Amino acid sequence: MTSLPAIVLTLLQELNSSELREQLRNLVFEELDSNTGPGRLSHTQKQDVIEAFSRLEENDVIALGHQDSVCPICFTSLLALLSEEETAIAMDSPAHPTEELGVIRLSEPWQCGHIFCKRDISRWVLDGHDSCPTCRRPLVKTTDSGSQTDATQADTGGDAHDDPNGVLNILEAILRNGGVDGRFIPDTVLPRRSPHLNYLSNEHSAMYS
């Protein structure tokens, strides 16, 4: 995983973060759903996957070298997500149930080890998806040789975090169409990129292949 470019982090800080995160989240799920088949997990499997999530603390994230990384679905800093969870736990009436907050890692032996905010990966699993949204490695243990082969091949693929330009494209799609609260961002604020990087947000191919 790699961290986001400074320009992206600046935009995320300057805009209404909760509204922007929701727009980003919906764009990502829409793109993911358009590139994957129907959900295949049973109700029991969904619960088993979610219950097996390995919750991470700040020291865990730092030890794994991801202190500058983001959730590949909502693009929120992992440390910011942990801070949000800590704040919610201290509140009498948090905006979201505390059990939905925090950061988790897909850490079962057959899983890929990718890190997400719990809210977004839980939504992905509850929609019935049986593979990691980043690399397509299975979320549930399987003895089917074909599935295991596919999992191995998927695990050797790219990581969503290795293409930060994909994040820029999604942000630009929002900002150039009114942004948050209808605010436009001048072209001078966004970085210039070479023509071959001016693809649309659905070209965030490492994640959506």
C-alpha atoms as a PDB file:
ATOM      1  CA  MET A   1       0.000   0.000   0.000  1.00  0.00           C
ATOM      2  CA  THR A   2       1.115   3.566  -0.618  1.00  0.00           C
ATOM      3  CA  SER A   3      -0.084   6.845   0.802  1.00  0.00           C
ATOM      4  CA  LEU A   4      -2.176   9.368  -1.089  1.00  0.00           C
ATOM      5  CA  PRO A   5      -0.562  12.313  -2.866  1.00  0.00           C
ATOM      6  CA  ALA A   6      -0.366  15.478  -0.754  1.00  0.00           C
ATOM      7  CA  ILE A   7      -2.850  17.265  -3.045  1.00  0.00           C
ATOM      8  CA  VAL A   8      -5.497  14.628  -2.307  1.00  0.00           C
ATOM      9  CA  LEU A   9      -4.941  14.825   1.432  1.00  0.00           C
ATOM     10  CA  THR A  10      -5.221  18.616   1.232  1.00  0.00           C
ATOM     11  CA  LEU A  11      -8.519  18.430  -0.631  1.00  0.00           C
ATOM     12  CA  LEU A  12      -9.904  15.913   1.822  1.00  0.00           C
ATOM     13  CA  GLN A  13      -9.012  18.197   4.704  1.00  0.00           C
ATOM     14  CA  GLU A  14     -10.419  21.359   3.120  1.00  0.00           C
ATOM     15  CA  LEU A  15     -13.764  19.918   2.076  1.00  0.00           C
ATOM     16  CA  ASN A  16     -16.578  18.625   4.258  1.00  0.00           C
ATOM     17  CA  SER A  17     -14.993  15.268   5.010  1.00  0.00           C
ATOM     18  CA  SER A  18     -18.147  13.336   5.950  1.00  0.00           C
ATOM     19  CA  GLU A  19     -20.035  14.333   2.802  1.00  0.00           C
ATOM     20  CA  LEU A  20     -17.020  13.795   0.579  1.00  0.00           C
ATOM     21  CA  ARG A  21     -16.363  10.390   2.102  1.00  0.00           C
ATOM     22  CA  GLU A  22     -19.952   9.371   1.415  1.00  0.00           C
ATOM     23  CA  GLN A  23     -19.703  10.473  -2.212  1.00  0.00           C
ATOM     24  CA  LEU A  24     -16.417   8.629  -2.640  1.00  0.00           C
ATOM     25  CA  ARG A  25     -17.797   5.550  -0.929  1.00  0.00           C
ATOM     26  CA  ASN A  26     -20.866   5.432  -3.180  1.00  0.00           C
ATOM     27  CA  LEU A  27     -18.768   5.925  -6.324  1.00  0.00           C
ATOM     28  CA  VAL A  28     -16.445   3.111  -5.342  1.00  0.00           C
ATOM     29  CA  PHE A  29     -19.230   0.677  -4.477  1.00  0.00           C
ATOM     30  CA  GLU A  30     -21.057   1.517  -7.708  1.00  0.00           C
ATOM     31  CA  GLU A  31     -17.924   0.785  -9.716  1.00  0.00           C
ATOM     32  CA  LEU A  32     -17.129  -2.366  -7.771  1.00  0.00           C
ATOM     33  CA  ASP A  33     -20.660  -3.706  -8.162  1.00  0.00           C
ATOM     34  CA  SER A  34     -20.599  -3.064 -11.907  1.00  0.00           C
ATOM     35  CA  ASN A  35     -17.453  -5.177 -12.252  1.00  0.00           C
ATOM     36  CA  THR A  36     -18.330  -8.130 -10.045  1.00  0.00           C
ATOM     37  CA  GLY A  37     -20.954 -10.832 -10.229  1.00  0.00           C
ATOM     38  CA  PRO A  38     -23.886 -11.288  -7.870  1.00  0.00           C
ATOM     39  CA  GLY A  39     -23.181 -11.944  -4.207  1.00  0.00           C
ATOM     40  CA  ARG A  40     -22.537 -15.564  -3.331  1.00  0.00           C
ATOM     41  CA  LEU A  41     -22.166 -15.664   0.452  1.00  0.00           C
ATOM     42  CA  SER A  42     -24.842 -17.218   2.622  1.00  0.00           C
ATOM     43  CA  HIS A  43     -26.087 -15.402   5.717  1.00  0.00           C
ATOM     44  CA  THR A  44     -23.971 -17.651   7.948  1.00  0.00           C
ATOM     45  CA  GLN A  45     -20.868 -17.084   5.831  1.00  0.00           C
ATOM     46  CA  LYS A  46     -21.365 -13.320   5.962  1.00  0.00           C
ATOM     47  CA  GLN A  47     -21.530 -13.380   9.748  1.00  0.00           C
ATOM     48  CA  ASP A  48     -18.518 -15.696   9.982  1.00  0.00           C
ATOM     49  CA  VAL A  49     -16.390 -13.434   7.785  1.00  0.00           C
ATOM     50  CA  ILE A  50     -17.318 -10.296   9.720  1.00  0.00           C
ATOM     51  CA  GLU A  51     -16.773 -11.944  13.105  1.00  0.00           C
ATOM     52  CA  ALA A  52     -13.310 -13.078  11.980  1.00  0.00           C
ATOM     53  CA  PHE A  53     -12.175  -9.545  11.123  1.00  0.00           C
ATOM     54  CA  SER A  54      -8.918  -8.702  12.873  1.00  0.00           C
ATOM     55  CA  ARG A  55      -9.356  -5.280  14.468  1.00  0.00           C
ATOM     56  CA  LEU A  56      -6.299  -3.057  14.431  1.00  0.00           C
ATOM     57  CA  GLU A  57      -5.132  -0.478  16.943  1.00  0.00           C
ATOM     58  CA  GLU A  58      -2.937   2.489  16.082  1.00  0.00           C
ATOM     59  CA  ASN A  59       0.232   0.665  17.106  1.00  0.00           C
ATOM     60  CA  ASP A  60      -0.744  -2.252  14.840  1.00  0.00           C
ATOM     61  CA  VAL A  61      -1.198   0.053  11.846  1.00  0.00           C
ATOM     62  CA  ILE A  62       2.167   1.683  12.508  1.00  0.00           C
ATOM     63  CA  ALA A  63       3.900  -1.674  12.998  1.00  0.00           C
ATOM     64  CA  LEU A  64       2.531  -2.823   9.633  1.00  0.00           C
ATOM     65  CA  GLY A  65       3.927   0.314   8.001  1.00  0.00           C
ATOM     66  CA  HIS A  66       0.521   1.740   7.065  1.00  0.00           C
ATOM     67  CA  GLN A  67       0.440   4.909   9.131  1.00  0.00           C
ATOM     68  CA  ASP A  68       0.127   6.927   5.902  1.00  0.00           C
ATOM     69  CA  SER A  69      -2.275   4.545   4.146  1.00  0.00           C
ATOM     70  CA  VAL A  70      -5.999   4.924   3.546  1.00  0.00           C
ATOM     71  CA  CYS A  71      -9.032   2.675   3.295  1.00  0.00           C
ATOM     72  CA  PRO A  72      -9.198   1.737  -0.428  1.00  0.00           C
ATOM     73  CA  ILE A  73     -12.975   2.216  -0.447  1.00  0.00           C
ATOM     74  CA  CYS A  74     -13.552   5.597   1.227  1.00  0.00           C
ATOM     75  CA  PHE A  75      -9.958   6.887   0.927  1.00  0.00           C
ATOM     76  CA  THR A  76      -9.940   7.980   4.566  1.00  0.00           C
ATOM     77  CA  SER A  77      -6.674   7.824   6.493  1.00  0.00           C
ATOM     78  CA  LEU A  78      -6.437   4.694   8.642  1.00  0.00           C
ATOM     79  CA  LEU A  79      -5.246   6.766  11.589  1.00  0.00           C
ATOM     80  CA  ALA A  80      -8.178   9.162  11.126  1.00  0.00           C
ATOM     81  CA  LEU A  81     -10.560   6.191  11.176  1.00  0.00           C
ATOM     82  CA  LEU A  82      -9.035   4.984  14.436  1.00  0.00           C
ATOM     83  CA  SER A  83      -9.342   8.470  15.906  1.00  0.00           C
ATOM     84  CA  GLU A  84     -12.996   8.553  14.840  1.00  0.00           C
ATOM     85  CA  GLU A  85     -13.578   5.243  16.596  1.00  0.00           C
ATOM     86  CA  GLU A  86     -11.883   6.456  19.776  1.00  0.00           C
ATOM     87  CA  THR A  87     -13.988   9.628  19.793  1.00  0.00           C
ATOM     88  CA  ALA A  88     -17.209   7.672  19.236  1.00  0.00           C
ATOM     89  CA  ILE A  89     -16.448   5.325  22.126  1.00  0.00           C
ATOM     90  CA  ALA A  90     -16.086   8.344  24.420  1.00  0.00           C
ATOM     91  CA  MET A  91     -19.415   9.856  23.316  1.00  0.00           C
ATOM     92  CA  ASP A  92     -22.828   9.114  24.785  1.00  0.00           C
ATOM     93  CA  SER A  93     -24.541   9.272  21.385  1.00  0.00           C
ATOM     94  CA  PRO A  94     -22.033   8.692  18.556  1.00  0.00           C
ATOM     95  CA  ALA A  95     -23.081   9.377  14.964  1.00  0.00           C
ATOM     96  CA  HIS A  96     -22.489   5.723  14.054  1.00  0.00           C
ATOM     97  CA  PRO A  97     -22.631   2.565  16.187  1.00  0.00           C
ATOM     98  CA  THR A  98     -19.144   1.967  17.571  1.00  0.00           C
ATOM     99  CA  GLU A  99     -19.202  -1.642  16.360  1.00  0.00           C
ATOM    100  CA  GLU A 100     -19.248  -0.315  12.771  1.00  0.00           C
ATOM    101  CA  LEU A 101     -16.170   1.842  13.274  1.00  0.00           C
ATOM    102  CA  GLY A 102     -12.466   1.168  13.340  1.00  0.00           C
ATOM    103  CA  VAL A 103      -9.939  -0.503  11.079  1.00  0.00           C
ATOM    104  CA  ILE A 104      -9.701  -4.205  10.269  1.00  0.00           C
ATOM    105  CA  ARG A 105      -7.334  -6.514   8.422  1.00  0.00           C
ATOM    106  CA  LEU A 106      -8.251  -9.588   6.383  1.00  0.00           C
ATOM    107  CA  SER A 107      -5.856 -11.779   8.319  1.00  0.00           C
ATOM    108  CA  GLU A 108      -7.122 -15.351   8.060  1.00  0.00           C
ATOM    109  CA  PRO A 109      -4.472 -17.707   6.560  1.00  0.00           C
ATOM    110  CA  TRP A 110      -6.312 -17.911   3.228  1.00  0.00           C
ATOM    111  CA  GLN A 111      -6.978 -14.175   3.060  1.00  0.00           C
ATOM    112  CA  CYS A 112      -4.834 -11.421   1.564  1.00  0.00           C
ATOM    113  CA  GLY A 113      -4.038  -9.171   4.519  1.00  0.00           C
ATOM    114  CA  HIS A 114      -5.508  -6.015   2.997  1.00  0.00           C
ATOM    115  CA  ILE A 115      -6.723  -3.330   5.405  1.00  0.00           C
ATOM    116  CA  PHE A 116     -10.078  -1.509   5.339  1.00  0.00           C
ATOM    117  CA  CYS A 117     -12.314   0.572   7.554  1.00  0.00           C
ATOM    118  CA  LYS A 118     -14.755  -1.827   9.190  1.00  0.00           C
ATOM    119  CA  ARG A 119     -17.843   0.017   7.989  1.00  0.00           C
ATOM    120  CA  ASP A 120     -17.014  -0.312   4.300  1.00  0.00           C
ATOM    121  CA  ILE A 121     -15.681  -3.862   4.215  1.00  0.00           C
ATOM    122  CA  SER A 122     -18.669  -4.979   6.312  1.00  0.00           C
ATOM    123  CA  ARG A 123     -21.016  -3.430   3.766  1.00  0.00           C
ATOM    124  CA  TRP A 124     -19.130  -5.261   1.014  1.00  0.00           C
ATOM    125  CA  VAL A 125     -19.484  -8.602   2.811  1.00  0.00           C
ATOM    126  CA  LEU A 126     -23.145  -8.050   3.722  1.00  0.00           C
ATOM    127  CA  ASP A 127     -23.841  -7.465   0.028  1.00  0.00           C
ATOM    128  CA  GLY A 128     -22.740 -11.083  -0.416  1.00  0.00           C
ATOM    129  CA  HIS A 129     -19.358 -10.630  -2.074  1.00  0.00           C
ATOM    130  CA  ASP A 130     -17.013 -13.547  -1.447  1.00  0.00           C
ATOM    131  CA  SER A 131     -13.677 -11.965  -2.377  1.00  0.00           C
ATOM    132  CA  CYS A 132     -11.510  -9.017  -1.379  1.00  0.00           C
ATOM    133  CA  PRO A 133     -12.555  -5.877  -3.302  1.00  0.00           C
ATOM    134  CA  THR A 134      -8.893  -4.993  -3.826  1.00  0.00           C
ATOM    135  CA  CYS A 135      -7.327  -8.230  -5.088  1.00  0.00           C
ATOM    136  CA  ARG A 136     -10.245 -10.702  -5.430  1.00  0.00           C
ATOM    137  CA  ARG A 137      -8.676 -13.259  -3.095  1.00  0.00           C
ATOM    138  CA  PRO A 138     -11.432 -15.359  -1.409  1.00  0.00           C
ATOM    139  CA  LEU A 139     -12.832 -14.210   1.915  1.00  0.00           C
ATOM    140  CA  VAL A 140     -13.965 -17.717   2.862  1.00  0.00           C
ATOM    141  CA  LYS A 141     -11.858 -20.846   3.033  1.00  0.00           C
ATOM    142  CA  THR A 142     -12.284 -23.159   0.068  1.00  0.00           C
ATOM    143  CA  THR A 143     -10.880 -26.546  -0.879  1.00  0.00           C
ATOM    144  CA  ASP A 144     -11.735 -26.123  -4.545  1.00  0.00           C
ATOM    145  CA  SER A 145      -8.437 -26.262  -6.452  1.00  0.00           C
ATOM    146  CA  GLY A 146      -9.656 -23.906  -9.141  1.00  0.00           C
ATOM    147  CA  SER A 147     -10.655 -21.266  -6.627  1.00  0.00           C
ATOM    148  CA  GLN A 148      -7.327 -21.605  -4.848  1.00  0.00           C
ATOM    149  CA  THR A 149      -5.493 -21.101  -8.130  1.00  0.00           C
ATOM    150  CA  ASP A 150      -7.538 -18.002  -8.870  1.00  0.00           C
ATOM    151  CA  ALA A 151      -6.790 -16.726  -5.372  1.00  0.00           C
ATOM    152  CA  THR A 152      -3.062 -17.174  -5.873  1.00  0.00           C
ATOM    153  CA  GLN A 153      -3.187 -15.352  -9.179  1.00  0.00           C
ATOM    154  CA  ALA A 154      -5.254 -12.542  -7.687  1.00  0.00           C
ATOM    155  CA  ASP A 155      -2.827 -12.120  -4.828  1.00  0.00           C
ATOM    156  CA  THR A 156       0.019 -11.425  -7.249  1.00  0.00           C
ATOM    157  CA  GLY A 157      -1.876  -8.563  -8.850  1.00  0.00           C
ATOM    158  CA  GLY A 158      -1.643  -4.858  -8.153  1.00  0.00           C
ATOM    159  CA  ASP A 159      -2.857  -3.128  -5.056  1.00  0.00           C
ATOM    160  CA  ALA A 160      -5.419  -0.353  -5.214  1.00  0.00           C
ATOM    161  CA  HIS A 161      -3.071   1.856  -3.228  1.00  0.00           C
ATOM    162  CA  ASP A 162      -0.404   1.520  -5.925  1.00  0.00           C
ATOM    163  CA  ASP A 163      -2.463   3.749  -8.248  1.00  0.00           C
ATOM    164  CA  PRO A 164      -3.054   7.025  -6.393  1.00  0.00           C
ATOM    165  CA  ASN A 165      -4.034   8.643  -9.699  1.00  0.00           C
ATOM    166  CA  GLY A 166      -7.222   6.605  -9.499  1.00  0.00           C
ATOM    167  CA  VAL A 167      -8.062   8.482  -6.321  1.00  0.00           C
ATOM    168  CA  LEU A 168      -7.408  11.799  -8.057  1.00  0.00           C
ATOM    169  CA  ASN A 169      -9.740  10.861 -10.893  1.00  0.00           C
ATOM    170  CA  ILE A 170     -12.588  10.032  -8.533  1.00  0.00           C
ATOM    171  CA  LEU A 171     -12.022  13.268  -6.623  1.00  0.00           C
ATOM    172  CA  GLU A 172     -11.959  15.259  -9.844  1.00  0.00           C
ATOM    173  CA  ALA A 173     -15.212  13.643 -10.978  1.00  0.00           C
ATOM    174  CA  ILE A 174     -16.834  15.012  -7.825  1.00  0.00           C
ATOM    175  CA  LEU A 175     -15.106  18.388  -7.674  1.00  0.00           C
ATOM    176  CA  ARG A 176     -15.544  19.327 -11.332  1.00  0.00           C
ATOM    177  CA  ASN A 177     -19.261  18.545 -11.087  1.00  0.00           C
ATOM    178  CA  GLY A 178     -19.990  20.835  -8.199  1.00  0.00           C
ATOM    179  CA  GLY A 179     -17.979  19.232  -5.437  1.00  0.00           C
ATOM    180  CA  VAL A 180     -19.373  19.109  -1.961  1.00  0.00           C
ATOM    181  CA  ASP A 181     -22.158  21.638  -1.284  1.00  0.00           C
ATOM    182  CA  GLY A 182     -22.011  22.677  -4.943  1.00  0.00           C
ATOM    183  CA  ARG A 183     -18.544  24.205  -4.659  1.00  0.00           C
ATOM    184  CA  PHE A 184     -16.244  24.010  -7.655  1.00  0.00           C
ATOM    185  CA  ILE A 185     -12.492  23.649  -7.353  1.00  0.00           C
ATOM    186  CA  PRO A 186     -10.443  25.747  -9.826  1.00  0.00           C
ATOM    187  CA  ASP A 187      -8.270  23.838 -12.273  1.00  0.00           C
ATOM    188  CA  THR A 188      -5.223  25.492 -10.746  1.00  0.00           C
ATOM    189  CA  VAL A 189      -5.797  23.624  -7.485  1.00  0.00           C
ATOM    190  CA  LEU A 190      -5.594  20.209  -9.117  1.00  0.00           C
ATOM    191  CA  PRO A 191      -2.240  18.905 -10.368  1.00  0.00           C
ATOM    192  CA  ARG A 192      -1.409  18.601 -14.041  1.00  0.00           C
ATOM    193  CA  ARG A 193      -0.973  15.060 -15.269  1.00  0.00           C
ATOM    194  CA  SER A 194       0.272  13.619 -18.526  1.00  0.00           C
ATOM    195  CA  PRO A 195      -2.389  12.625 -21.113  1.00  0.00           C
ATOM    196  CA  HIS A 196      -2.038   8.905 -20.475  1.00  0.00           C
ATOM    197  CA  LEU A 197      -3.154   9.460 -16.855  1.00  0.00           C
ATOM    198  CA  ASN A 198      -6.281  11.418 -17.771  1.00  0.00           C
ATOM    199  CA  TYR A 199      -8.560   8.420 -17.591  1.00  0.00           C
ATOM    200  CA  LEU A 200     -11.871   8.249 -15.775  1.00  0.00           C
ATOM    201  CA  SER A 201     -12.401   6.954 -12.278  1.00  0.00           C
ATOM    202  CA  ASN A 202     -13.458   3.529 -13.540  1.00  0.00           C
ATOM    203  CA  GLU A 203      -9.889   3.098 -14.772  1.00  0.00           C
ATOM    204  CA  HIS A 204      -8.781   2.575 -11.192  1.00  0.00           C
ATOM    205  CA  SER A 205      -7.942  -0.810 -12.699  1.00  0.00           C
ATOM    206  CA  ALA A 206      -5.876  -2.350  -9.944  1.00  0.00           C
ATOM    207  CA  MET A 207      -8.934  -2.374  -7.748  1.00  0.00           C
ATOM    208  CA  TYR A 208     -11.735  -2.865 -10.230  1.00  0.00           C
ATOM    209  CA  SER A 209     -10.301  -5.461 -12.635  1.00  0.00           C
END
